[in-house]
Amino acid sequence: MNTTISIPKTLRESLKEYGMKGETYSDIIYRLVQSAKETQLQRILMDDTNTVDVKKALHNAKKKWQK
């Protein structure tokens, strides 16, 4: 089932710039959404916030579990 989305003409023109020959607006939007999802996932997977390098992790583990 399709729906109509009202967008400004300037945005419609921007969408056309991303389109390839024969693509519908739905095709263009779907491709852009997929690309945004992939980019978002990549950022999450590559985020190094609150990480520790391997050498420091090994050092901390040896200190914690010393016999």
N, C-alpha and C. Protein backbone atom coordinates (compact mmCIF):
# COMPACT_ATOMS: atom_id res chain seq x y z
N MET A 1 0.83 -1.17 0.00
CA MET A 1 0.00 0.00 0.00
C MET A 1 0.89 1.25 0.00
N ASN A 2 0.63 2.15 -0.90
CA ASN A 2 1.44 3.36 -1.02
C ASN A 2 0.80 4.52 -0.26
N THR A 3 1.63 5.50 0.03
CA THR A 3 1.17 6.72 0.68
C THR A 3 1.83 7.91 -0.01
N THR A 4 1.30 9.07 0.22
CA THR A 4 1.85 10.28 -0.36
C THR A 4 2.52 11.09 0.75
N ILE A 5 3.72 11.54 0.48
CA ILE A 5 4.46 12.37 1.43
C ILE A 5 4.66 13.73 0.78
N SER A 6 4.26 14.77 1.48
CA SER A 6 4.42 16.12 0.96
C SER A 6 5.81 16.63 1.34
N ILE A 7 6.59 17.01 0.32
CA ILE A 7 7.92 17.56 0.56
C ILE A 7 8.09 18.81 -0.29
N PRO A 8 8.96 19.71 0.14
CA PRO A 8 9.21 20.91 -0.67
C PRO A 8 9.85 20.54 -2.02
N LYS A 9 9.59 21.37 -3.01
CA LYS A 9 10.15 21.11 -4.35
C LYS A 9 11.67 21.08 -4.32
N THR A 10 12.28 21.87 -3.45
CA THR A 10 13.74 21.89 -3.37
C THR A 10 14.27 20.52 -2.91
N LEU A 11 13.56 19.89 -1.98
CA LEU A 11 13.97 18.56 -1.53
C LEU A 11 13.77 17.53 -2.64
N ARG A 12 12.68 17.66 -3.38
CA ARG A 12 12.44 16.76 -4.51
C ARG A 12 13.59 16.87 -5.53
N GLU A 13 14.03 18.09 -5.77
CA GLU A 13 15.14 18.29 -6.71
C GLU A 13 16.42 17.66 -6.16
N SER A 14 16.64 17.77 -4.86
CA SER A 14 17.81 17.14 -4.24
C SER A 14 17.75 15.63 -4.40
N LEU A 15 16.57 15.05 -4.21
CA LEU A 15 16.41 13.61 -4.39
C LEU A 15 16.77 13.20 -5.81
N LYS A 16 16.36 14.00 -6.78
CA LYS A 16 16.67 13.69 -8.18
C LYS A 16 18.18 13.61 -8.40
N GLU A 17 18.93 14.45 -7.69
CA GLU A 17 20.39 14.46 -7.84
C GLU A 17 21.00 13.14 -7.40
N TYR A 18 20.37 12.46 -6.45
CA TYR A 18 20.86 11.18 -5.97
C TYR A 18 20.36 10.00 -6.80
N GLY A 19 19.40 10.26 -7.64
CA GLY A 19 18.80 9.19 -8.42
C GLY A 19 19.63 8.78 -9.63
N MET A 20 19.39 7.56 -10.04
CA MET A 20 20.00 7.05 -11.26
C MET A 20 18.89 6.85 -12.29
N LYS A 21 19.27 6.76 -13.53
CA LYS A 21 18.29 6.63 -14.60
C LYS A 21 17.33 5.46 -14.33
N GLY A 22 16.05 5.75 -14.39
CA GLY A 22 15.04 4.72 -14.23
C GLY A 22 14.58 4.49 -12.79
N GLU A 23 15.23 5.15 -11.83
CA GLU A 23 14.85 4.97 -10.44
C GLU A 23 13.63 5.82 -10.09
N THR A 24 12.78 5.27 -9.25
CA THR A 24 11.66 6.04 -8.72
C THR A 24 12.13 6.76 -7.47
N TYR A 25 11.30 7.69 -6.99
CA TYR A 25 11.65 8.36 -5.74
C TYR A 25 11.73 7.34 -4.61
N SER A 26 10.87 6.35 -4.63
CA SER A 26 10.92 5.29 -3.61
C SER A 26 12.24 4.56 -3.66
N ASP A 27 12.72 4.26 -4.86
CA ASP A 27 14.02 3.59 -5.02
C ASP A 27 15.14 4.42 -4.40
N ILE A 28 15.11 5.71 -4.70
CA ILE A 28 16.15 6.62 -4.21
C ILE A 28 16.11 6.69 -2.69
N ILE A 29 14.92 6.89 -2.13
CA ILE A 29 14.79 7.01 -0.68
C ILE A 29 15.20 5.70 0.00
N TYR A 30 14.77 4.57 -0.55
CA TYR A 30 15.14 3.28 0.03
C TYR A 30 16.67 3.13 0.06
N ARG A 31 17.32 3.46 -1.04
CA ARG A 31 18.78 3.33 -1.12
C ARG A 31 19.46 4.26 -0.12
N LEU A 32 18.96 5.49 0.02
CA LEU A 32 19.55 6.43 0.97
C LEU A 32 19.36 5.97 2.41
N VAL A 33 18.20 5.40 2.72
CA VAL A 33 17.95 4.89 4.07
C VAL A 33 18.86 3.71 4.36
N GLN A 34 19.03 2.81 3.40
CA GLN A 34 19.93 1.67 3.58
C GLN A 34 21.35 2.14 3.83
N SER A 35 21.77 3.13 3.07
CA SER A 35 23.12 3.68 3.23
C SER A 35 23.28 4.31 4.62
N ALA A 36 22.26 5.03 5.07
CA ALA A 36 22.31 5.64 6.41
C ALA A 36 22.39 4.57 7.49
N LYS A 37 21.64 3.48 7.33
CA LYS A 37 21.69 2.39 8.31
C LYS A 37 23.08 1.77 8.36
N GLU A 38 23.68 1.54 7.20
CA GLU A 38 25.02 0.94 7.15
C GLU A 38 26.04 1.87 7.79
N THR A 39 25.93 3.16 7.52
CA THR A 39 26.85 4.14 8.10
C THR A 39 26.70 4.17 9.62
N GLN A 40 25.46 4.15 10.09
CA GLN A 40 25.19 4.16 11.52
C GLN A 40 25.76 2.91 12.19
N LEU A 41 25.58 1.75 11.58
CA LEU A 41 26.11 0.51 12.12
C LEU A 41 27.63 0.55 12.15
N GLN A 42 28.23 1.05 11.09
CA GLN A 42 29.69 1.14 11.04
C GLN A 42 30.22 2.04 12.16
N ARG A 43 29.54 3.16 12.40
CA ARG A 43 29.97 4.06 13.47
C ARG A 43 29.88 3.37 14.82
N ILE A 44 28.81 2.61 15.04
CA ILE A 44 28.64 1.89 16.30
C ILE A 44 29.74 0.86 16.47
N LEU A 45 30.01 0.09 15.42
CA LEU A 45 31.01 -0.97 15.51
C LEU A 45 32.42 -0.44 15.63
N MET A 46 32.69 0.72 15.06
CA MET A 46 34.04 1.27 15.08
C MET A 46 34.26 2.25 16.23
N ASP A 47 33.26 2.48 17.05
CA ASP A 47 33.38 3.41 18.17
C ASP A 47 34.34 2.84 19.21
N ASP A 48 35.36 3.60 19.53
CA ASP A 48 36.35 3.10 20.48
C ASP A 48 36.22 3.79 21.85
N THR A 49 35.08 4.40 22.10
CA THR A 49 34.84 5.01 23.40
C THR A 49 34.81 3.93 24.48
N ASN A 50 35.46 4.21 25.58
CA ASN A 50 35.51 3.27 26.71
C ASN A 50 36.17 1.94 26.37
N THR A 51 37.12 1.95 25.47
CA THR A 51 37.85 0.73 25.16
C THR A 51 39.26 0.81 25.72
N VAL A 52 39.88 -0.34 25.86
CA VAL A 52 41.25 -0.43 26.36
C VAL A 52 42.05 -1.23 25.35
N ASP A 53 43.29 -0.79 25.08
CA ASP A 53 44.09 -1.56 24.14
C ASP A 53 44.44 -2.92 24.74
N VAL A 54 44.83 -3.84 23.89
CA VAL A 54 45.06 -5.23 24.29
C VAL A 54 46.14 -5.34 25.37
N LYS A 55 47.25 -4.64 25.22
CA LYS A 55 48.33 -4.72 26.20
C LYS A 55 47.86 -4.28 27.59
N LYS A 56 47.10 -3.19 27.64
CA LYS A 56 46.60 -2.73 28.94
C LYS A 56 45.58 -3.71 29.51
N ALA A 57 44.74 -4.29 28.66
CA ALA A 57 43.74 -5.26 29.13
C ALA A 57 44.43 -6.49 29.71
N LEU A 58 45.49 -6.97 29.05
CA LEU A 58 46.24 -8.12 29.56
C LEU A 58 46.91 -7.78 30.89
N HIS A 59 47.49 -6.60 30.97
CA HIS A 59 48.13 -6.16 32.21
C HIS A 59 47.11 -6.12 33.35
N ASN A 60 45.95 -5.53 33.08
CA ASN A 60 44.90 -5.44 34.11
C ASN A 60 44.40 -6.83 34.51
N ALA A 61 44.27 -7.73 33.54
CA ALA A 61 43.80 -9.09 33.84
C ALA A 61 44.82 -9.83 34.70
N LYS A 62 46.11 -9.68 34.38
CA LYS A 62 47.14 -10.36 35.17
C LYS A 62 47.17 -9.82 36.59
N LYS A 63 46.99 -8.51 36.77
CA LYS A 63 46.95 -7.94 38.11
C LYS A 63 45.74 -8.45 38.89
N LYS A 64 44.63 -8.54 38.22
CA LYS A 64 43.39 -8.93 38.89
C LYS A 64 43.41 -10.40 39.29
N TRP A 65 43.99 -11.26 38.45
CA TRP A 65 43.94 -12.70 38.70
C TRP A 65 45.31 -13.28 39.05
N GLN A 66 46.14 -12.49 39.69
CA GLN A 66 47.45 -12.98 40.10
C GLN A 66 47.28 -14.05 41.16
N LYS A 67 48.15 -15.05 41.10
CA LYS A 67 48.12 -16.14 42.10
C LYS A 67 49.03 -15.81 43.23
